[in-house]
C-alpha atoms as a PDB file:
ATOM      1  CA  UNK A   1      25.858 114.522  10.330  1.00  0.00           C
ATOM      2  CA  UNK A   2      23.174 112.090  11.514  1.00  0.00           C
ATOM      3  CA  UNK A   3      25.653 109.190  11.288  1.00  0.00           C
ATOM      4  CA  UNK A   4      28.140 111.133  13.428  1.00  0.00           C
ATOM      5  CA  UNK A   5      25.407 111.818  16.033  1.00  0.00           C
ATOM      6  CA  UNK A   6      24.555 108.129  16.126  1.00  0.00           C
ATOM      7  CA  UNK A   7      28.203 107.186  16.663  1.00  0.00           C
ATOM      8  CA  UNK A   8      28.506 109.760  19.447  1.00  0.00           C
ATOM      9  CA  UNK A   9      25.341 108.542  21.137  1.00  0.00           C
ATOM     10  CA  UNK A  10      26.455 104.918  20.793  1.00  0.00           C
ATOM     11  CA  UNK A  11      29.659 105.853  22.623  1.00  0.00           C
ATOM     12  CA  UNK A  12      27.620 107.342  25.466  1.00  0.00           C
ATOM     13  CA  UNK A  13      25.525 104.164  25.630  1.00  0.00           C
ATOM     14  CA  UNK A  14      28.588 101.908  25.786  1.00  0.00           C
ATOM     15  CA  UNK A  15      30.213 104.083  28.439  1.00  0.00           C
ATOM     16  CA  UNK A  16      27.100 103.852  30.547  1.00  0.00           C
ATOM     17  CA  UNK A  17      26.677 100.111  30.108  1.00  0.00           C
ATOM     18  CA  UNK A  18      30.364  99.443  30.763  1.00  0.00           C
ATOM     19  CA  UNK A  19      30.189 101.429  33.990  1.00  0.00           C
ATOM     20  CA  UNK A  20      27.517  99.140  35.371  1.00  0.00           C
ATOM     21  CA  UNK A  21      29.917  96.214  35.643  1.00  0.00           C
ATOM     22  CA  UNK A  22      33.281  97.886  36.292  1.00  0.00           C
ATOM     23  CA  UNK A  23      34.428  99.466  39.532  1.00  0.00           C
ATOM     24  CA  UNK A  24      37.905 100.506  40.585  1.00  0.00           C
ATOM     25  CA  UNK A  25      39.703 103.157  42.597  1.00  0.00           C
ATOM     26  CA  UNK A  26      42.247 105.462  41.043  1.00  0.00           C
ATOM     27  CA  UNK A  27      44.934 106.955  43.278  1.00  0.00           C
ATOM     28  CA  UNK A  28      47.227 109.876  42.540  1.00  0.00           C
ATOM     29  CA  UNK A  29      50.385 109.950  44.638  1.00  0.00           C
ATOM     30  CA  UNK A  30      52.854 112.833  44.742  1.00  0.00           C
ATOM     31  CA  UNK A  31      56.527 112.352  45.633  1.00  0.00           C
ATOM     32  CA  UNK A  32      59.420 114.753  46.203  1.00  0.00           C
ATOM     33  CA  UNK A  33      63.001 113.813  45.452  1.00  0.00           C
ATOM     34  CA  UNK A  34      65.133 112.651  48.378  1.00  0.00           C
ATOM     35  CA  UNK A  35      68.873 113.088  48.288  1.00  0.00           C
ATOM     36  CA  UNK A  36      70.728 113.513  45.008  1.00  0.00           C
ATOM     37  CA  UNK A  37      69.652 111.345  42.043  1.00  0.00           C
ATOM     38  CA  UNK A  38      72.379 109.527  40.142  1.00  0.00           C
ATOM     39  CA  UNK A  39      72.656 109.648  36.359  1.00  0.00           C
ATOM     40  CA  UNK A  40      74.961 107.029  34.858  1.00  0.00           C
ATOM     41  CA  UNK A  41      74.740 108.041  31.193  1.00  0.00           C
ATOM     42  CA  UNK A  42      74.692 111.705  30.206  1.00  0.00           C
ATOM     43  CA  UNK A  43      74.038 110.826  26.557  1.00  0.00           C
ATOM     44  CA  UNK A  44      70.792 108.843  26.854  1.00  0.00           C
ATOM     45  CA  UNK A  45      68.479 111.873  26.736  1.00  0.00           C
ATOM     46  CA  UNK A  46      67.181 111.708  30.310  1.00  0.00           C
ATOM     47  CA  UNK A  47      68.832 113.493  33.229  1.00  0.00           C
ATOM     48  CA  UNK A  48      68.027 111.909  36.588  1.00  0.00           C
ATOM     49  CA  UNK A  49      69.833 114.715  38.425  1.00  0.00           C
ATOM     50  CA  UNK A  50      67.218 117.225  37.162  1.00  0.00           C
ATOM     51  CA  UNK A  51      64.316 115.361  38.822  1.00  0.00           C
ATOM     52  CA  UNK A  52      62.556 117.272  41.606  1.00  0.00           C
ATOM     53  CA  UNK A  53      59.516 115.041  42.076  1.00  0.00           C
ATOM     54  CA  UNK A  54      57.182 112.530  40.488  1.00  0.00           C
ATOM     55  CA  UNK A  55      53.425 112.020  40.118  1.00  0.00           C
ATOM     56  CA  UNK A  56      52.097 108.464  39.885  1.00  0.00           C
ATOM     57  CA  UNK A  57      48.529 107.432  39.090  1.00  0.00           C
ATOM     58  CA  UNK A  58      47.490 103.883  40.002  1.00  0.00           C
ATOM     59  CA  UNK A  59      44.248 102.040  39.369  1.00  0.00           C
ATOM     60  CA  UNK A  60      43.284  99.411  41.935  1.00  0.00           C
ATOM     61  CA  UNK A  61      40.402  97.085  41.051  1.00  0.00           C
ATOM     62  CA  UNK A  62      37.807  96.244  43.669  1.00  0.00           C
ATOM     63  CA  UNK A  63      39.055  92.646  43.663  1.00  0.00           C
ATOM     64  CA  UNK A  64      42.800  92.004  43.576  1.00  0.00           C
ATOM     65  CA  UNK A  65      44.188  88.748  42.197  1.00  0.00           C
ATOM     66  CA  UNK A  66      46.157  86.724  44.742  1.00  0.00           C
ATOM     67  CA  UNK A  67      49.232  85.190  43.091  1.00  0.00           C
ATOM     68  CA  UNK A  68      51.616  83.799  45.712  1.00  0.00           C
ATOM     69  CA  UNK A  69      52.590  83.533  49.395  1.00  0.00           C
ATOM     70  CA  UNK A  70      55.944  83.379  51.154  1.00  0.00           C
ATOM     71  CA  UNK A  71      56.885  82.524  54.715  1.00  0.00           C
ATOM     72  CA  UNK A  72      60.509  83.101  55.647  1.00  0.00           C
ATOM     73  CA  UNK A  73      61.412  81.116  58.753  1.00  0.00           C
ATOM     74  CA  UNK A  74      57.980  81.864  60.185  1.00  0.00           C
ATOM     75  CA  UNK A  75      59.224  85.395  60.808  1.00  0.00           C
ATOM     76  CA  UNK A  76      57.535  87.089  57.865  1.00  0.00           C
ATOM     77  CA  UNK A  77      54.372  86.288  55.971  1.00  0.00           C
ATOM     78  CA  UNK A  78      54.136  87.989  52.577  1.00  0.00           C
ATOM     79  CA  UNK A  79      51.161  87.753  50.242  1.00  0.00           C
ATOM     80  CA  UNK A  80      51.448  88.886  46.631  1.00  0.00           C
ATOM     81  CA  UNK A  81      48.738  90.314  44.385  1.00  0.00           C
ATOM     82  CA  UNK A  82      48.518  91.600  40.843  1.00  0.00           C
ATOM     83  CA  UNK A  83      45.868  93.274  38.641  1.00  0.00           C
ATOM     84  CA  UNK A  84      46.929  96.765  39.716  1.00  0.00           C
ATOM     85  CA  UNK A  85      47.990  99.140  36.958  1.00  0.00           C
ATOM     86  CA  UNK A  86      50.285 102.139  36.857  1.00  0.00           C
ATOM     87  CA  UNK A  87      48.311 104.451  34.581  1.00  0.00           C
ATOM     88  CA  UNK A  88      50.802 107.282  34.332  1.00  0.00           C
ATOM     89  CA  UNK A  89      54.147 108.352  35.695  1.00  0.00           C
ATOM     90  CA  UNK A  90      55.243 111.977  35.283  1.00  0.00           C
ATOM     91  CA  UNK A  91      58.702 113.129  36.326  1.00  0.00           C
ATOM     92  CA  UNK A  92      58.905 116.762  37.425  1.00  0.00           C
ATOM     93  CA  UNK A  93      62.290 118.223  36.533  1.00  0.00           C
ATOM     94  CA  UNK A  94      64.033 121.577  36.737  1.00  0.00           C
ATOM     95  CA  UNK A  95      63.354 122.026  33.014  1.00  0.00           C
ATOM     96  CA  UNK A  96      59.727 120.840  32.907  1.00  0.00           C
ATOM     97  CA  UNK A  97      57.535 117.759  33.209  1.00  0.00           C
ATOM     98  CA  UNK A  98      58.373 114.514  31.400  1.00  0.00           C
ATOM     99  CA  UNK A  99      55.788 111.774  30.854  1.00  0.00           C
ATOM    100  CA  UNK A 100      57.612 108.482  31.311  1.00  0.00           C
ATOM    101  CA  UNK A 101      56.822 105.626  28.896  1.00  0.00           C
ATOM    102  CA  UNK A 102      54.213 103.002  29.799  1.00  0.00           C
ATOM    103  CA  UNK A 103      55.912 100.300  27.717  1.00  0.00           C
ATOM    104  CA  UNK A 104      54.547  97.425  25.693  1.00  0.00           C
ATOM    105  CA  UNK A 105      53.894  94.968  28.546  1.00  0.00           C
ATOM    106  CA  UNK A 106      54.021  96.714  31.942  1.00  0.00           C
ATOM    107  CA  UNK A 107      53.334  94.837  35.175  1.00  0.00           C
ATOM    108  CA  UNK A 108      52.429  96.147  38.627  1.00  0.00           C
ATOM    109  CA  UNK A 109      52.610  93.879  41.669  1.00  0.00           C
ATOM    110  CA  UNK A 110      51.511  94.413  45.251  1.00  0.00           C
ATOM    111  CA  UNK A 111      53.151  92.753  48.262  1.00  0.00           C
ATOM    112  CA  UNK A 112      51.740  92.901  51.794  1.00  0.00           C
ATOM    113  CA  UNK A 113      54.168  91.739  54.487  1.00  0.00           C
ATOM    114  CA  UNK A 114      53.714  91.091  58.183  1.00  0.00           C
ATOM    115  CA  UNK A 115      57.053  90.896  60.006  1.00  0.00           C
ATOM    116  CA  UNK A 116      55.816  89.370  63.261  1.00  0.00           C
ATOM    117  CA  UNK A 117      59.025  87.718  64.536  1.00  0.00           C
ATOM    118  CA  UNK A 118      61.856  90.041  63.506  1.00  0.00           C
ATOM    119  CA  UNK A 119      65.570  89.557  63.949  1.00  0.00           C
ATOM    120  CA  UNK A 120      67.048  90.720  67.282  1.00  0.00           C
ATOM    121  CA  UNK A 121      67.333  94.485  67.434  1.00  0.00           C
ATOM    122  CA  UNK A 122      64.651  95.092  64.795  1.00  0.00           C
ATOM    123  CA  UNK A 123      60.951  95.858  65.095  1.00  0.00           C
ATOM    124  CA  UNK A 124      57.741  94.081  64.162  1.00  0.00           C
ATOM    125  CA  UNK A 125      56.236  95.850  61.173  1.00  0.00           C
ATOM    126  CA  UNK A 126      53.653  95.837  58.405  1.00  0.00           C
ATOM    127  CA  UNK A 127      54.772  96.612  54.858  1.00  0.00           C
ATOM    128  CA  UNK A 128      52.852  97.644  51.739  1.00  0.00           C
ATOM    129  CA  UNK A 129      55.055  97.405  48.648  1.00  0.00           C
ATOM    130  CA  UNK A 130      54.136  98.296  45.047  1.00  0.00           C
ATOM    131  CA  UNK A 131      56.488  97.309  42.231  1.00  0.00           C
ATOM    132  CA  UNK A 132      55.847  98.474  38.664  1.00  0.00           C
ATOM    133  CA  UNK A 133      58.209  97.206  35.965  1.00  0.00           C
ATOM    134  CA  UNK A 134      58.518  95.995  32.367  1.00  0.00           C
ATOM    135  CA  UNK A 135      60.930  95.067  29.614  1.00  0.00           C
ATOM    136  CA  UNK A 136      61.011  98.575  28.134  1.00  0.00           C
ATOM    137  CA  UNK A 137      60.097 100.893  31.025  1.00  0.00           C
ATOM    138  CA  UNK A 138      61.831 102.179  34.152  1.00  0.00           C
ATOM    139  CA  UNK A 139      61.043 100.395  37.404  1.00  0.00           C
ATOM    140  CA  UNK A 140      59.012 102.384  39.940  1.00  0.00           C
ATOM    141  CA  UNK A 141      58.687 101.095  43.498  1.00  0.00           C
ATOM    142  CA  UNK A 142      56.764 102.386  46.518  1.00  0.00           C
ATOM    143  CA  UNK A 143      57.289 101.112  50.071  1.00  0.00           C
ATOM    144  CA  UNK A 144      55.113 102.073  53.052  1.00  0.00           C
ATOM    145  CA  UNK A 145      55.948 100.734  56.530  1.00  0.00           C
ATOM    146  CA  UNK A 146      54.341 100.977  59.964  1.00  0.00           C
ATOM    147  CA  UNK A 147      56.381  99.700  62.905  1.00  0.00           C
ATOM    148  CA  UNK A 148      54.779  98.161  65.964  1.00  0.00           C
ATOM    149  CA  UNK A 149      54.053 100.999  68.367  1.00  0.00           C
ATOM    150  CA  UNK A 150      53.345 103.503  65.607  1.00  0.00           C
ATOM    151  CA  UNK A 151      49.940 105.181  65.997  1.00  0.00           C
ATOM    152  CA  UNK A 152      48.821 103.854  62.611  1.00  0.00           C
ATOM    153  CA  UNK A 153      50.198 100.337  63.017  1.00  0.00           C
ATOM    154  CA  UNK A 154      47.456  97.860  62.259  1.00  0.00           C
ATOM    155  CA  UNK A 155      45.734 100.196  59.804  1.00  0.00           C
ATOM    156  CA  UNK A 156      48.080  99.832  56.820  1.00  0.00           C
ATOM    157  CA  UNK A 157      47.037  96.263  55.950  1.00  0.00           C
ATOM    158  CA  UNK A 158      44.768  93.577  57.377  1.00  0.00           C
ATOM    159  CA  UNK A 159      47.480  91.439  58.913  1.00  0.00           C
ATOM    160  CA  UNK A 160      47.296  88.450  61.204  1.00  0.00           C
ATOM    161  CA  UNK A 161      49.629  85.896  62.731  1.00  0.00           C
ATOM    162  CA  UNK A 162      49.803  83.429  61.121  1.00  0.00           C
ATOM    163  CA  UNK A 163      46.860  84.502  58.938  1.00  0.00           C
ATOM    164  CA  UNK A 164      47.695  85.735  55.464  1.00  0.00           C
ATOM    165  CA  UNK A 165      47.612  89.431  54.755  1.00  0.00           C
ATOM    166  CA  UNK A 166      44.727  91.188  53.035  1.00  0.00           C
ATOM    167  CA  UNK A 167      44.504  94.717  51.614  1.00  0.00           C
ATOM    168  CA  UNK A 168      42.224  97.243  53.230  1.00  0.00           C
ATOM    169  CA  UNK A 169      39.029  98.185  51.422  1.00  0.00           C
ATOM    170  CA  UNK A 170      40.843 101.423  50.609  1.00  0.00           C
ATOM    171  CA  UNK A 171      44.308 100.194  49.659  1.00  0.00           C
ATOM    172  CA  UNK A 172      46.248 103.424  50.219  1.00  0.00           C
ATOM    173  CA  UNK A 173      45.631 105.903  53.023  1.00  0.00           C
ATOM    174  CA  UNK A 174      44.867 109.336  51.608  1.00  0.00           C
ATOM    175  CA  UNK A 175      46.385 112.561  52.908  1.00  0.00           C
ATOM    176  CA  UNK A 176      47.320 116.026  51.688  1.00  0.00           C
ATOM    177  CA  UNK A 177      50.687 117.733  51.605  1.00  0.00           C
ATOM    178  CA  UNK A 178      49.652 119.615  54.753  1.00  0.00           C
ATOM    179  CA  UNK A 179      49.929 116.369  56.727  1.00  0.00           C
ATOM    180  CA  UNK A 180      53.311 114.993  57.772  1.00  0.00           C
ATOM    181  CA  UNK A 181      53.567 111.442  56.329  1.00  0.00           C
ATOM    182  CA  UNK A 182      55.208 110.332  59.581  1.00  0.00           C
ATOM    183  CA  UNK A 183      51.735 110.511  61.146  1.00  0.00           C
ATOM    184  CA  UNK A 184      50.700 107.638  58.874  1.00  0.00           C
ATOM    185  CA  UNK A 185      53.911 105.692  58.301  1.00  0.00           C
ATOM    186  CA  UNK A 186      57.090 104.861  60.181  1.00  0.00           C
ATOM    187  CA  UNK A 187      58.820 105.191  56.823  1.00  0.00           C
ATOM    188  CA  UNK A 188      57.656 105.859  53.284  1.00  0.00           C
ATOM    189  CA  UNK A 189      59.782 105.930  50.171  1.00  0.00           C
ATOM    190  CA  UNK A 190      59.814 105.394  46.428  1.00  0.00           C
ATOM    191  CA  UNK A 191      62.449 104.645  43.822  1.00  0.00           C
ATOM    192  CA  UNK A 192      62.732 105.201  40.068  1.00  0.00           C
ATOM    193  CA  UNK A 193      65.485 103.094  38.522  1.00  0.00           C
ATOM    194  CA  UNK A 194      66.436 101.784  35.117  1.00  0.00           C
ATOM    195  CA  UNK A 195      69.313 100.816  32.872  1.00  0.00           C
ATOM    196  CA  UNK A 196      70.009 101.931  29.328  1.00  0.00           C
ATOM    197  CA  UNK A 197      68.371  98.829  27.828  1.00  0.00           C
ATOM    198  CA  UNK A 198      64.931  99.580  29.294  1.00  0.00           C
ATOM    199  CA  UNK A 199      64.860 103.387  29.483  1.00  0.00           C
ATOM    200  CA  UNK A 200      67.733 105.516  30.791  1.00  0.00           C
ATOM    201  CA  UNK A 201      70.558 104.554  33.132  1.00  0.00           C
ATOM    202  CA  UNK A 202      70.168 106.016  36.618  1.00  0.00           C
ATOM    203  CA  UNK A 203      68.300 106.043  39.907  1.00  0.00           C
ATOM    204  CA  UNK A 204      66.330 108.533  42.011  1.00  0.00           C
ATOM    205  CA  UNK A 205      64.775 108.178  45.470  1.00  0.00           C
ATOM    206  CA  UNK A 206      61.678 109.968  46.752  1.00  0.00           C
ATOM    207  CA  UNK A 207      59.674 110.771  49.856  1.00  0.00           C
ATOM    208  CA  UNK A 208      55.897 110.515  49.626  1.00  0.00           C
ATOM    209  CA  UNK A 209      54.119 113.889  49.868  1.00  0.00           C
ATOM    210  CA  UNK A 210      50.413 113.165  49.342  1.00  0.00           C
ATOM    211  CA  UNK A 211      47.885 110.583  48.168  1.00  0.00           C
ATOM    212  CA  UNK A 212      44.409 111.350  46.876  1.00  0.00           C
ATOM    213  CA  UNK A 213      41.605 109.400  45.237  1.00  0.00           C
ATOM    214  CA  UNK A 214      40.713 110.747  41.824  1.00  0.00           C
ATOM    215  CA  UNK A 215      36.994 111.243  41.170  1.00  0.00           C
ATOM    216  CA  UNK A 216      35.379 108.752  38.800  1.00  0.00           C
ATOM    217  CA  UNK A 217      31.759 108.651  37.582  1.00  0.00           C
ATOM    218  CA  UNK A 218      29.503 106.691  39.914  1.00  0.00           C
ATOM    219  CA  UNK A 219      28.100 103.457  38.391  1.00  0.00           C
ATOM    220  CA  UNK A 220      24.559 104.843  38.767  1.00  0.00           C
ATOM    221  CA  UNK A 221      25.538 108.006  36.892  1.00  0.00           C
ATOM    222  CA  UNK A 222      27.121 105.962  34.120  1.00  0.00           C
ATOM    223  CA  UNK A 223      23.989 103.831  33.939  1.00  0.00           C
ATOM    224  CA  UNK A 224      21.881 106.953  33.500  1.00  0.00           C
ATOM    225  CA  UNK A 225      24.232 108.055  30.730  1.00  0.00           C
ATOM    226  CA  UNK A 226      23.616 104.737  28.999  1.00  0.00           C
ATOM    227  CA  UNK A 227      19.839 104.972  29.379  1.00  0.00           C
ATOM    228  CA  UNK A 228      19.879 108.551  28.168  1.00  0.00           C
ATOM    229  CA  UNK A 229      21.882 107.485  25.136  1.00  0.00           C
ATOM    230  CA  UNK A 230      19.341 104.769  24.337  1.00  0.00           C
ATOM    231  CA  UNK A 231      16.560 107.337  24.440  1.00  0.00           C
ATOM    232  CA  UNK A 232      18.533 109.596  22.111  1.00  0.00           C
ATOM    233  CA  UNK A 233      19.112 106.730  19.680  1.00  0.00           C
ATOM    234  CA  UNK A 234      15.410 105.905  19.683  1.00  0.00           C
ATOM    235  CA  UNK A 235      14.524 109.543  18.980  1.00  0.00           C
ATOM    236  CA  UNK A 236      17.020 109.658  16.100  1.00  0.00           C
ATOM    237  CA  UNK A 237      15.476 106.562  14.540  1.00  0.00           C
ATOM    238  CA  UNK A 238      11.906 107.802  14.950  1.00  0.00           C
END
């Protein structure tokens, strides 16, 4: 019994100490299906046509890793980042919720684009694009766009011409389902797609419904947990 208490207390200590050096923001985004999903294989055990929505949970570290830049004809500057993670993806269906697989080696990339010299007939815009994929998981993509002239244009990313694009301190704008997403974005969409080799063959499109930040223990609180655990260990040894 005493050994079990020591193990439990040690876990509290490590949680507290780990929290002192790690900070990140976890977002939960809700999506509702748009249009009619397409299912290309009725025998693979997953029915895309039954999907009604999806819940995605992302973790964004305080410091993103810059990986690459593109400049297409000096019309678009795109900066790429990684180190995000898609923690969970739950498909809501007419027959219940289905937790989609995380896979053995999933990747989540972020692209921030500034279209400052668009083709004739199109509009200047800022784009925030998240792409989560892997060798044995479905691909999940989120695209948020603000056109020039939109009330929220300039707030989606830190864009400059020709300066490279930077994420905001809070990567994703948060809002509830009571707010029309068109107040924040000119367009907002998501896509779940795969083939039979990675997951199940089909595709579904979504509209974004809400984004919230999930509560996490404050570093100071975690530090107190660690200190409290040390005191408990000392008492147990005394």
